[in-house]
C-alpha atoms as a PDB file:
ATOM      1  CA  MET A   1      31.057  10.482   8.415  1.00  0.00           C
ATOM      2  CA  GLY A   2      31.315   7.388   5.327  1.00  0.00           C
ATOM      3  CA  ASN A   3      29.175   5.813   7.832  1.00  0.00           C
ATOM      4  CA  SER A   4      27.050   8.277   7.866  1.00  0.00           C
ATOM      5  CA  LEU A   5      27.076   9.069   4.293  1.00  0.00           C
ATOM      6  CA  GLY A   6      26.458   4.733   3.769  1.00  0.00           C
ATOM      7  CA  SER A   7      23.679   4.713   6.584  1.00  0.00           C
ATOM      8  CA  ALA A   8      21.734   7.523   4.517  1.00  0.00           C
ATOM      9  CA  GLY A   9      21.914   5.855   1.256  1.00  0.00           C
ATOM     10  CA  LEU A  10      20.234   2.520   2.360  1.00  0.00           C
ATOM     11  CA  MET A  11      17.785   4.827   3.873  1.00  0.00           C
ATOM     12  CA  LEU A  12      17.419   6.518   0.749  1.00  0.00           C
ATOM     13  CA  VAL A  13      17.459   3.264  -1.113  1.00  0.00           C
ATOM     14  CA  ASN A  14      14.664   1.931   1.058  1.00  0.00           C
ATOM     15  CA  SER A  15      12.948   4.552   1.190  1.00  0.00           C
ATOM     16  CA  LEU A  16      12.567   4.020  -3.187  1.00  0.00           C
ATOM     17  CA  ILE A  17      11.679   0.554  -2.234  1.00  0.00           C
ATOM     18  CA  ASN A  18       8.741   1.759   0.453  1.00  0.00           C
ATOM     19  CA  ILE A  19       7.750   4.792  -2.498  1.00  0.00           C
ATOM     20  CA  TYR A  20       7.287   1.407  -5.671  1.00  0.00           C
ATOM     21  CA  LEU A  21       5.759  -0.985  -3.339  1.00  0.00           C
ATOM     22  CA  PHE A  22       3.305   1.766  -2.366  1.00  0.00           C
ATOM     23  CA  ILE A  23       2.662   1.824  -6.149  1.00  0.00           C
ATOM     24  CA  LEU A  24       2.791  -1.815  -6.670  1.00  0.00           C
ATOM     25  CA  MET A  25       0.175  -2.014  -3.760  1.00  0.00           C
ATOM     26  CA  LEU A  26      -2.166   0.634  -5.679  1.00  0.00           C
ATOM     27  CA  ARG A  27      -2.294  -1.671  -8.385  1.00  0.00           C
ATOM     28  CA  PHE A  28      -3.058  -4.613  -6.280  1.00  0.00           C
ATOM     29  CA  LEU A  29      -5.955  -2.553  -4.583  1.00  0.00           C
ATOM     30  CA  LEU A  30      -7.344  -0.839  -8.290  1.00  0.00           C
ATOM     31  CA  GLN A  31      -7.684  -4.151  -9.534  1.00  0.00           C
ATOM     32  CA  ALA A  32      -9.339  -4.914  -6.608  1.00  0.00           C
ATOM     33  CA  SER A  33     -11.929  -2.418  -6.158  1.00  0.00           C
ATOM     34  CA  GLN A  34     -12.736  -3.096  -9.737  1.00  0.00           C
ATOM     35  CA  ALA A  35     -11.191   0.629 -11.242  1.00  0.00           C
ATOM     36  CA  ASP A  36     -11.474   1.626 -14.233  1.00  0.00           C
ATOM     37  CA  TYR A  37      -8.553  -0.191 -16.083  1.00  0.00           C
ATOM     38  CA  TYR A  38      -8.465   2.067 -19.115  1.00  0.00           C
ATOM     39  CA  ASN A  39      -8.195   5.298 -16.926  1.00  0.00           C
ATOM     40  CA  PRO A  40      -4.964   7.252 -17.816  1.00  0.00           C
ATOM     41  CA  MET A  41      -3.446   6.821 -14.288  1.00  0.00           C
ATOM     42  CA  SER A  42      -4.201   3.254 -13.764  1.00  0.00           C
ATOM     43  CA  GLN A  43      -2.614   2.608 -17.253  1.00  0.00           C
ATOM     44  CA  SER A  44       0.539   4.159 -15.890  1.00  0.00           C
ATOM     45  CA  VAL A  45       0.734   2.473 -12.633  1.00  0.00           C
ATOM     46  CA  VAL A  46       0.179  -0.635 -14.685  1.00  0.00           C
ATOM     47  CA  LYS A  47       3.000   0.799 -17.122  1.00  0.00           C
ATOM     48  CA  ILE A  48       5.384   1.439 -13.641  1.00  0.00           C
ATOM     49  CA  THR A  49       4.851  -2.051 -12.286  1.00  0.00           C
ATOM     50  CA  GLN A  50       4.776  -4.345 -14.879  1.00  0.00           C
ATOM     51  CA  PRO A  51       8.261  -5.186 -15.082  1.00  0.00           C
ATOM     52  CA  VAL A  52       8.287  -6.393 -11.457  1.00  0.00           C
ATOM     53  CA  VAL A  53       4.689  -7.924 -11.315  1.00  0.00           C
ATOM     54  CA  GLY A  54       5.785  -9.567 -15.358  1.00  0.00           C
ATOM     55  CA  LEU A  55       8.108 -11.705 -13.642  1.00  0.00           C
ATOM     56  CA  PHE A  56       5.402 -13.722 -11.498  1.00  0.00           C
ATOM     57  CA  GLN A  57       2.231 -13.400 -13.995  1.00  0.00           C
ATOM     58  CA  GLY A  58       3.691 -16.716 -15.620  1.00  0.00           C
ATOM     59  CA  PHE A  59       2.061 -18.684 -12.783  1.00  0.00           C
ATOM     60  CA  LEU A  60       0.147 -16.709 -10.567  1.00  0.00           C
ATOM     61  CA  GLY A  61      -3.507 -14.832 -11.595  1.00  0.00           C
ATOM     62  CA  PRO A  62      -5.948 -13.100  -9.959  1.00  0.00           C
ATOM     63  CA  VAL A  63      -8.098 -15.104  -7.842  1.00  0.00           C
ATOM     64  CA  ALA A  64     -11.770 -14.764  -8.749  1.00  0.00           C
ATOM     65  CA  GLY A  65     -10.450 -11.880 -10.898  1.00  0.00           C
ATOM     66  CA  ARG A  66     -10.238  -9.483  -8.355  1.00  0.00           C
ATOM     67  CA  PHE A  67      -7.252 -10.571  -6.203  1.00  0.00           C
ATOM     68  CA  ASP A  68      -4.393 -10.269  -8.450  1.00  0.00           C
ATOM     69  CA  LEU A  69      -1.873 -12.829  -6.119  1.00  0.00           C
ATOM     70  CA  ALA A  70       1.411 -11.467  -9.190  1.00  0.00           C
ATOM     71  CA  THR A  71       1.463  -8.026  -7.789  1.00  0.00           C
ATOM     72  CA  LEU A  72       0.889  -9.136  -3.959  1.00  0.00           C
ATOM     73  CA  ALA A  73       3.695 -11.672  -4.606  1.00  0.00           C
ATOM     74  CA  ALA A  74       6.132  -9.396  -6.190  1.00  0.00           C
ATOM     75  CA  GLY A  75       5.777  -6.714  -3.430  1.00  0.00           C
ATOM     76  CA  PHE A  76       6.299  -8.965  -1.056  1.00  0.00           C
ATOM     77  CA  THR A  77       9.487 -10.102  -2.389  1.00  0.00           C
ATOM     78  CA  LEU A  78      11.001  -6.936  -3.489  1.00  0.00           C
ATOM     79  CA  LYS A  79      10.117  -6.252   0.250  1.00  0.00           C
ATOM     80  CA  VAL A  80      11.563  -9.095   1.642  1.00  0.00           C
ATOM     81  CA  VAL A  81      14.537  -9.180  -0.541  1.00  0.00           C
ATOM     82  CA  SER A  82      15.601  -4.852   0.095  1.00  0.00           C
ATOM     83  CA  MET A  83      15.748  -6.052   3.724  1.00  0.00           C
ATOM     84  CA  VAL A  84      18.178  -8.855   3.063  1.00  0.00           C
ATOM     85  CA  VAL A  85      20.304  -7.165   0.750  1.00  0.00           C
ATOM     86  CA  ILE A  86      20.228  -3.863   3.285  1.00  0.00           C
ATOM     87  CA  PHE A  87      20.979  -6.329   6.352  1.00  0.00           C
ATOM     88  CA  MET A  88      23.545  -7.416   4.641  1.00  0.00           C
ATOM     89  CA  LEU A  89      25.270  -4.094   3.648  1.00  0.00           C
ATOM     90  CA  VAL A  90      25.253  -2.850   7.111  1.00  0.00           C
ATOM     91  CA  GLY A  91      26.820  -6.083   8.322  1.00  0.00           C
ATOM     92  CA  VAL A  92      24.118  -7.287  10.436  1.00  0.00           C
ATOM     93  CA  GLY A  93      23.536 -10.405   8.612  1.00  0.00           C
ATOM     94  CA  ILE A  94      19.977 -12.096   7.613  1.00  0.00           C
ATOM     95  CA  PRO A  95      17.774 -12.035  10.114  1.00  0.00           C
ATOM     96  CA  PRO A  96      15.723 -14.842  10.940  1.00  0.00           C
ATOM     97  CA  ILE A  97      13.773 -16.102   7.550  1.00  0.00           C
ATOM     98  CA  VAL A  98      10.507 -15.973   9.825  1.00  0.00           C
ATOM     99  CA  GLY A  99      11.082 -12.532  11.031  1.00  0.00           C
ATOM    100  CA  LEU A 100      12.108 -11.524   7.410  1.00  0.00           C
ATOM    101  CA  LEU A 101       8.203 -12.621   6.219  1.00  0.00           C
ATOM    102  CA  ILE A 102       6.414 -10.970   8.879  1.00  0.00           C
ATOM    103  CA  GLY A 103       8.423  -7.936   8.131  1.00  0.00           C
ATOM    104  CA  GLY A 104       7.267  -8.157   4.309  1.00  0.00           C
ATOM    105  CA  VAL A 105       3.711  -9.072   5.321  1.00  0.00           C
ATOM    106  CA  ALA A 106       3.631  -5.846   7.866  1.00  0.00           C
ATOM    107  CA  ALA A 107       5.104  -3.840   4.942  1.00  0.00           C
ATOM    108  CA  ILE A 108       2.347  -5.104   2.285  1.00  0.00           C
ATOM    109  CA  ALA A 109      -0.269  -4.403   5.023  1.00  0.00           C
ATOM    110  CA  ASN A 110       1.143  -1.128   5.972  1.00  0.00           C
ATOM    111  CA  ALA A 111       1.225  -0.004   2.001  1.00  0.00           C
ATOM    112  CA  ILE A 112      -2.802  -0.959   2.137  1.00  0.00           C
ATOM    113  CA  LEU A 113      -3.428   1.148   4.623  1.00  0.00           C
ATOM    114  CA  LYS A 114      -1.730   4.063   3.973  1.00  0.00           C
ATOM    115  CA  ILE A 115      -2.442   3.897   0.425  1.00  0.00           C
ATOM    116  CA  TYR A 116      -6.520   4.114   1.719  1.00  0.00           C
ATOM    117  CA  PHE A 117      -5.482   6.388   4.080  1.00  0.00           C
ATOM    118  CA  PHE A 118      -4.311   9.228   1.442  1.00  0.00           C
ATOM    119  CA  ALA A 119      -7.184   8.289  -0.863  1.00  0.00           C
ATOM    120  CA  LEU A 120      -9.645   8.916   1.629  1.00  0.00           C
ATOM    121  CA  ILE A 121      -7.896  12.616   2.514  1.00  0.00           C
ATOM    122  CA  ILE A 122      -8.468  13.290  -1.550  1.00  0.00           C
ATOM    123  CA  MET A 123     -11.654  12.208  -1.600  1.00  0.00           C
ATOM    124  CA  ILE A 124     -12.711  14.239   1.085  1.00  0.00           C
ATOM    125  CA  ILE A 125     -11.321  17.400  -0.051  1.00  0.00           C
ATOM    126  CA  LEU A 126     -12.197  16.748  -3.341  1.00  0.00           C
ATOM    127  CA  SER A 127     -15.987  16.778  -1.878  1.00  0.00           C
ATOM    128  CA  TRP A 128     -15.717  19.889  -0.272  1.00  0.00           C
ATOM    129  CA  VAL A 129     -13.900  21.895  -3.444  1.00  0.00           C
ATOM    130  CA  ALA A 130     -14.755  20.272  -6.423  1.00  0.00           C
ATOM    131  CA  PRO A 131     -17.546  17.575  -6.058  1.00  0.00           C
ATOM    132  CA  ASN A 132     -18.556  16.647  -8.957  1.00  0.00           C
ATOM    133  CA  ALA A 133     -14.390  16.166 -10.491  1.00  0.00           C
ATOM    134  CA  SER A 134     -14.222  14.370 -14.027  1.00  0.00           C
ATOM    135  CA  HIS A 135     -11.191  14.168 -13.879  1.00  0.00           C
ATOM    136  CA  PRO A 136      -9.255  10.714 -14.549  1.00  0.00           C
ATOM    137  CA  GLY A 137      -7.724  11.509 -11.074  1.00  0.00           C
ATOM    138  CA  ALA A 138     -10.442  12.183  -8.916  1.00  0.00           C
ATOM    139  CA  MET A 139     -12.446   9.125 -10.789  1.00  0.00           C
ATOM    140  CA  LEU A 140      -9.948   6.521  -9.844  1.00  0.00           C
ATOM    141  CA  VAL A 141     -10.174   7.833  -6.024  1.00  0.00           C
ATOM    142  CA  MET A 142     -13.589   7.673  -5.753  1.00  0.00           C
ATOM    143  CA  GLN A 143     -13.556   4.086  -7.505  1.00  0.00           C
ATOM    144  CA  LEU A 144     -10.417   3.344  -4.856  1.00  0.00           C
ATOM    145  CA  VAL A 145     -11.946   4.275  -2.058  1.00  0.00           C
ATOM    146  CA  GLU A 146     -15.991   2.724  -2.884  1.00  0.00           C
ATOM    147  CA  PRO A 147     -15.615  -0.761  -1.732  1.00  0.00           C
ATOM    148  CA  ILE A 148     -14.530  -0.151   1.992  1.00  0.00           C
ATOM    149  CA  MET A 149     -16.763   3.096   1.993  1.00  0.00           C
ATOM    150  CA  ALA A 150     -20.009   1.518   1.197  1.00  0.00           C
ATOM    151  CA  PRO A 151     -20.350  -0.909   3.504  1.00  0.00           C
ATOM    152  CA  VAL A 152     -19.889   1.951   6.585  1.00  0.00           C
ATOM    153  CA  ARG A 153     -22.187   4.065   4.749  1.00  0.00           C
ATOM    154  CA  LYS A 154     -24.793   1.039   5.043  1.00  0.00           C
ATOM    155  CA  VAL A 155     -24.550   1.431   8.813  1.00  0.00           C
ATOM    156  CA  ILE A 156     -24.194   4.753   9.364  1.00  0.00           C
ATOM    157  CA  PRO A 157     -25.873   6.194   6.726  1.00  0.00           C
ATOM    158  CA  PRO A 158     -24.943  10.491   6.128  1.00  0.00           C
ATOM    159  CA  LEU A 159     -27.118  12.702   7.918  1.00  0.00           C
ATOM    160  CA  GLY A 160     -28.366  15.254   5.405  1.00  0.00           C
ATOM    161  CA  MET A 161     -25.417  17.289   3.544  1.00  0.00           C
ATOM    162  CA  ILE A 162     -22.886  15.632   6.827  1.00  0.00           C
ATOM    163  CA  ASP A 163     -21.035  11.945   5.843  1.00  0.00           C
ATOM    164  CA  LEU A 164     -19.836  10.416   8.821  1.00  0.00           C
ATOM    165  CA  SER A 165     -18.250   7.235   7.538  1.00  0.00           C
ATOM    166  CA  PRO A 166     -14.893   8.920   6.735  1.00  0.00           C
ATOM    167  CA  ILE A 167     -14.315   9.397  10.249  1.00  0.00           C
ATOM    168  CA  VAL A 168     -15.138   5.669  11.293  1.00  0.00           C
ATOM    169  CA  VAL A 169     -13.039   4.438   8.357  1.00  0.00           C
ATOM    170  CA  PHE A 170      -9.675   6.588   9.495  1.00  0.00           C
ATOM    171  CA  ILE A 171     -10.586   5.181  12.925  1.00  0.00           C
ATOM    172  CA  ALA A 172     -10.312   1.908  11.564  1.00  0.00           C
ATOM    173  CA  ILE A 173      -7.453   2.303   9.652  1.00  0.00           C
ATOM    174  CA  ASN A 174      -5.496   4.037  12.574  1.00  0.00           C
ATOM    175  CA  LEU A 175      -6.551   1.335  14.933  1.00  0.00           C
ATOM    176  CA  LEU A 176      -5.610  -1.520  12.243  1.00  0.00           C
ATOM    177  CA  ASP A 177      -1.700   0.331  11.630  1.00  0.00           C
ATOM    178  CA  GLY A 178      -1.401   0.395  15.385  1.00  0.00           C
ATOM    179  CA  LEU A 179      -2.246  -3.082  16.527  1.00  0.00           C
ATOM    180  CA  VAL A 180      -2.075  -5.076  13.875  1.00  0.00           C
ATOM    181  CA  VAL A 181       0.928  -3.520  11.292  1.00  0.00           C
ATOM    182  CA  GLY A 182       2.476  -2.936  15.161  1.00  0.00           C
ATOM    183  CA  ALA A 183       2.372  -6.061  16.040  1.00  0.00           C
ATOM    184  CA  LEU A 184       3.601  -7.798  12.641  1.00  0.00           C
ATOM    185  CA  VAL A 185       6.571  -4.875  13.324  1.00  0.00           C
ATOM    186  CA  ARG A 186       7.155  -6.131  16.704  1.00  0.00           C
ATOM    187  CA  ALA A 187       6.973  -9.800  16.123  1.00  0.00           C
ATOM    188  CA  ALA A 188       9.261  -9.630  13.051  1.00  0.00           C
ATOM    189  CA  GLY A 189      12.229  -7.544  14.853  1.00  0.00           C
ATOM    190  CA  ILE A 190      12.621  -5.626  12.339  1.00  0.00           C
ATOM    191  CA  SER A 191      12.808  -1.637  12.608  1.00  0.00           C
ATOM    192  CA  GLY A 192       9.560   0.266  11.950  1.00  0.00           C
ATOM    193  CA  ALA A 193      11.674   2.157   9.278  1.00  0.00           C
ATOM    194  CA  LEU A 194      12.860  -0.142   7.428  1.00  0.00           C
ATOM    195  CA  VAL A 195       9.362  -1.605   6.785  1.00  0.00           C
ATOM    196  CA  GLY A 196       7.873   1.208   6.311  1.00  0.00           C
ATOM    197  CA  LEU A 197       6.548   3.187   9.192  1.00  0.00           C
END
């Protein structure tokens, strides 16, 4: 009974860390897509993540003003350290360092793909129910997905009222998730649940 409670507790901690990693990667993507920094929701994301990101900002800054390496490093380090702690608590010992590093990359890639997946769903729903929404959350979602939607729209323009580009992006996300992230998880030799799948 105690062992199952301990396992449930570890899975809960892992889930909370994955949620925080999700928020960290949301901050990374908002800056990469040059979303409105002063949007109230952007500010909330920055406030939630600043205690961890601040540790890395002294020596890591944004690349080309868009790609925030400090946030990326914070997410990677948090995930790798959390995996080490969970393995130690379970009593398995520390897995190979290369496996941990690959697992950290897989967790970051998984979080980024999940953010885009959910943002696309929200964008599609908003286009049906409130196409001209001016809510800060709606504006942020549109700004977040535009960098991945714009190149696809150039290749597949909307057919009247029907926009097929989200379907193409969904397929690409699922392929990347299944092939790339799945391959990374297998290469790491770490449970997909621990990585965040």
